[in-house]
């Protein structure tokens, strides 16, 4: 899977509804309401780079209230949880 982090600016009055609508899009795995320069951060995971066009450009960007997005495609994913699982293979708990 290819992952992308999408920073999303939303009209203030539409943040909760936009977050819910974005969370329901196939290919979006998580949506966070955050502080700072953006209102929401979404994590998108797709099989092919071309699928980002459908998930982000064709669907997420058209959710009511979404004003602007900035997408960051991940080169690699690092996770302490994944590393722990890999190093514990064969160990009895």
C-alpha atoms as a PDB file:
ATOM      1  CA  UNK A   1       0.000   0.000   0.000  1.00  0.00           C
ATOM      2  CA  UNK A   2       1.064   3.564  -0.713  1.00  0.00           C
ATOM      3  CA  UNK A   3       0.314   6.097   2.011  1.00  0.00           C
ATOM      4  CA  UNK A   4      -0.313   9.816   1.854  1.00  0.00           C
ATOM      5  CA  UNK A   5      -0.976  12.409   4.514  1.00  0.00           C
ATOM      6  CA  UNK A   6      -3.501  15.037   3.444  1.00  0.00           C
ATOM      7  CA  UNK A   7      -3.635  18.416   5.214  1.00  0.00           C
ATOM      8  CA  UNK A   8      -7.124  19.876   4.848  1.00  0.00           C
ATOM      9  CA  UNK A   9      -8.527  23.375   5.419  1.00  0.00           C
ATOM     10  CA  UNK A  10     -12.284  23.388   5.951  1.00  0.00           C
ATOM     11  CA  UNK A  11     -14.908  26.081   6.495  1.00  0.00           C
ATOM     12  CA  UNK A  12     -15.241  26.228  10.297  1.00  0.00           C
ATOM     13  CA  UNK A  13     -18.986  25.589  10.259  1.00  0.00           C
ATOM     14  CA  UNK A  14     -18.481  22.360   8.286  1.00  0.00           C
ATOM     15  CA  UNK A  15     -15.562  20.718  10.129  1.00  0.00           C
ATOM     16  CA  UNK A  16     -17.469  17.885  11.890  1.00  0.00           C
ATOM     17  CA  UNK A  17     -19.557  16.985   8.827  1.00  0.00           C
ATOM     18  CA  UNK A  18     -16.572  17.219   6.485  1.00  0.00           C
ATOM     19  CA  UNK A  19     -14.480  15.007   8.779  1.00  0.00           C
ATOM     20  CA  UNK A  20     -17.213  12.358   8.828  1.00  0.00           C
ATOM     21  CA  UNK A  21     -17.723  12.501   5.055  1.00  0.00           C
ATOM     22  CA  UNK A  22     -13.970  12.224   4.434  1.00  0.00           C
ATOM     23  CA  UNK A  23     -13.691   9.278   6.845  1.00  0.00           C
ATOM     24  CA  UNK A  24     -16.311   7.431   4.782  1.00  0.00           C
ATOM     25  CA  UNK A  25     -14.307   7.695   1.532  1.00  0.00           C
ATOM     26  CA  UNK A  26     -12.818   4.376   0.463  1.00  0.00           C
ATOM     27  CA  UNK A  27      -9.054   4.720   0.676  1.00  0.00           C
ATOM     28  CA  UNK A  28      -9.132   7.083   3.670  1.00  0.00           C
ATOM     29  CA  UNK A  29      -8.114   5.170   6.790  1.00  0.00           C
ATOM     30  CA  UNK A  30      -8.067   7.927   9.405  1.00  0.00           C
ATOM     31  CA  UNK A  31      -9.151  11.531   9.856  1.00  0.00           C
ATOM     32  CA  UNK A  32      -7.890  13.728  12.686  1.00  0.00           C
ATOM     33  CA  UNK A  33      -9.275  17.073  13.822  1.00  0.00           C
ATOM     34  CA  UNK A  34      -6.196  19.115  14.730  1.00  0.00           C
ATOM     35  CA  UNK A  35      -4.948  22.500  15.858  1.00  0.00           C
ATOM     36  CA  UNK A  36      -2.647  24.666  13.785  1.00  0.00           C
ATOM     37  CA  UNK A  37      -2.725  25.892  10.194  1.00  0.00           C
ATOM     38  CA  UNK A  38      -5.100  23.166   9.005  1.00  0.00           C
ATOM     39  CA  UNK A  39      -8.362  21.819  10.374  1.00  0.00           C
ATOM     40  CA  UNK A  40      -8.137  18.135   9.487  1.00  0.00           C
ATOM     41  CA  UNK A  41      -5.426  15.632   8.643  1.00  0.00           C
ATOM     42  CA  UNK A  42      -6.394  12.499   6.726  1.00  0.00           C
ATOM     43  CA  UNK A  43      -4.375   9.388   6.009  1.00  0.00           C
ATOM     44  CA  UNK A  44      -4.984   7.853   2.595  1.00  0.00           C
ATOM     45  CA  UNK A  45      -3.795   4.366   1.642  1.00  0.00           C
ATOM     46  CA  UNK A  46      -4.114   3.069  -1.914  1.00  0.00           C
ATOM     47  CA  UNK A  47      -2.683   0.286  -4.046  1.00  0.00           C
ATOM     48  CA  UNK A  48      -1.428   2.470  -6.912  1.00  0.00           C
ATOM     49  CA  UNK A  49      -0.296   6.099  -7.180  1.00  0.00           C
ATOM     50  CA  UNK A  50      -3.008   6.673  -9.783  1.00  0.00           C
ATOM     51  CA  UNK A  51      -5.650   5.843  -7.154  1.00  0.00           C
ATOM     52  CA  UNK A  52      -4.823   9.054  -5.268  1.00  0.00           C
ATOM     53  CA  UNK A  53      -6.495  10.985  -8.094  1.00  0.00           C
ATOM     54  CA  UNK A  54      -9.806   9.266  -7.356  1.00  0.00           C
ATOM     55  CA  UNK A  55      -9.558   9.375  -3.566  1.00  0.00           C
ATOM     56  CA  UNK A  56      -8.179  12.890  -3.122  1.00  0.00           C
ATOM     57  CA  UNK A  57      -8.828  14.955  -6.249  1.00  0.00           C
ATOM     58  CA  UNK A  58     -12.171  13.450  -7.264  1.00  0.00           C
ATOM     59  CA  UNK A  59     -13.731  12.704  -3.880  1.00  0.00           C
ATOM     60  CA  UNK A  60     -12.052  14.358  -0.866  1.00  0.00           C
ATOM     61  CA  UNK A  61     -11.667  17.749  -2.551  1.00  0.00           C
ATOM     62  CA  UNK A  62     -15.380  17.749  -3.400  1.00  0.00           C
ATOM     63  CA  UNK A  63     -16.620  17.263   0.172  1.00  0.00           C
ATOM     64  CA  UNK A  64     -18.758  20.224   1.223  1.00  0.00           C
ATOM     65  CA  UNK A  65     -16.732  22.750   3.187  1.00  0.00           C
ATOM     66  CA  UNK A  66     -13.287  21.631   1.989  1.00  0.00           C
ATOM     67  CA  UNK A  67     -11.409  24.746   0.903  1.00  0.00           C
ATOM     68  CA  UNK A  68      -7.858  23.555   0.325  1.00  0.00           C
ATOM     69  CA  UNK A  69      -5.749  20.400   0.551  1.00  0.00           C
ATOM     70  CA  UNK A  70      -2.043  19.672   0.592  1.00  0.00           C
ATOM     71  CA  UNK A  71      -0.976  16.072  -0.033  1.00  0.00           C
ATOM     72  CA  UNK A  72       2.276  14.470   1.108  1.00  0.00           C
ATOM     73  CA  UNK A  73       2.983  11.031  -0.376  1.00  0.00           C
ATOM     74  CA  UNK A  74       5.103   8.840   1.896  1.00  0.00           C
ATOM     75  CA  UNK A  75       8.300   7.226   0.607  1.00  0.00           C
ATOM     76  CA  UNK A  76       8.580   4.875   3.575  1.00  0.00           C
ATOM     77  CA  UNK A  77       6.620   4.135   6.706  1.00  0.00           C
ATOM     78  CA  UNK A  78       8.342   3.769  10.071  1.00  0.00           C
ATOM     79  CA  UNK A  79       6.471   2.454  13.061  1.00  0.00           C
ATOM     80  CA  UNK A  80       7.641   1.290  16.478  1.00  0.00           C
ATOM     81  CA  UNK A  81       4.744  -1.157  16.506  1.00  0.00           C
ATOM     82  CA  UNK A  82       5.812  -2.737  13.187  1.00  0.00           C
ATOM     83  CA  UNK A  83       9.443  -2.947  14.310  1.00  0.00           C
ATOM     84  CA  UNK A  84       8.424  -4.575  17.578  1.00  0.00           C
ATOM     85  CA  UNK A  85       6.391  -7.193  15.712  1.00  0.00           C
ATOM     86  CA  UNK A  86       9.253  -7.952  13.342  1.00  0.00           C
ATOM     87  CA  UNK A  87      11.813  -8.384  16.125  1.00  0.00           C
ATOM     88  CA  UNK A  88       9.532 -10.562  18.223  1.00  0.00           C
ATOM     89  CA  UNK A  89       8.984 -13.235  15.569  1.00  0.00           C
ATOM     90  CA  UNK A  90       9.671 -16.623  17.111  1.00  0.00           C
ATOM     91  CA  UNK A  91       9.734 -15.347  20.687  1.00  0.00           C
ATOM     92  CA  UNK A  92       7.306 -16.803  23.180  1.00  0.00           C
ATOM     93  CA  UNK A  93       5.335 -14.343  25.238  1.00  0.00           C
END
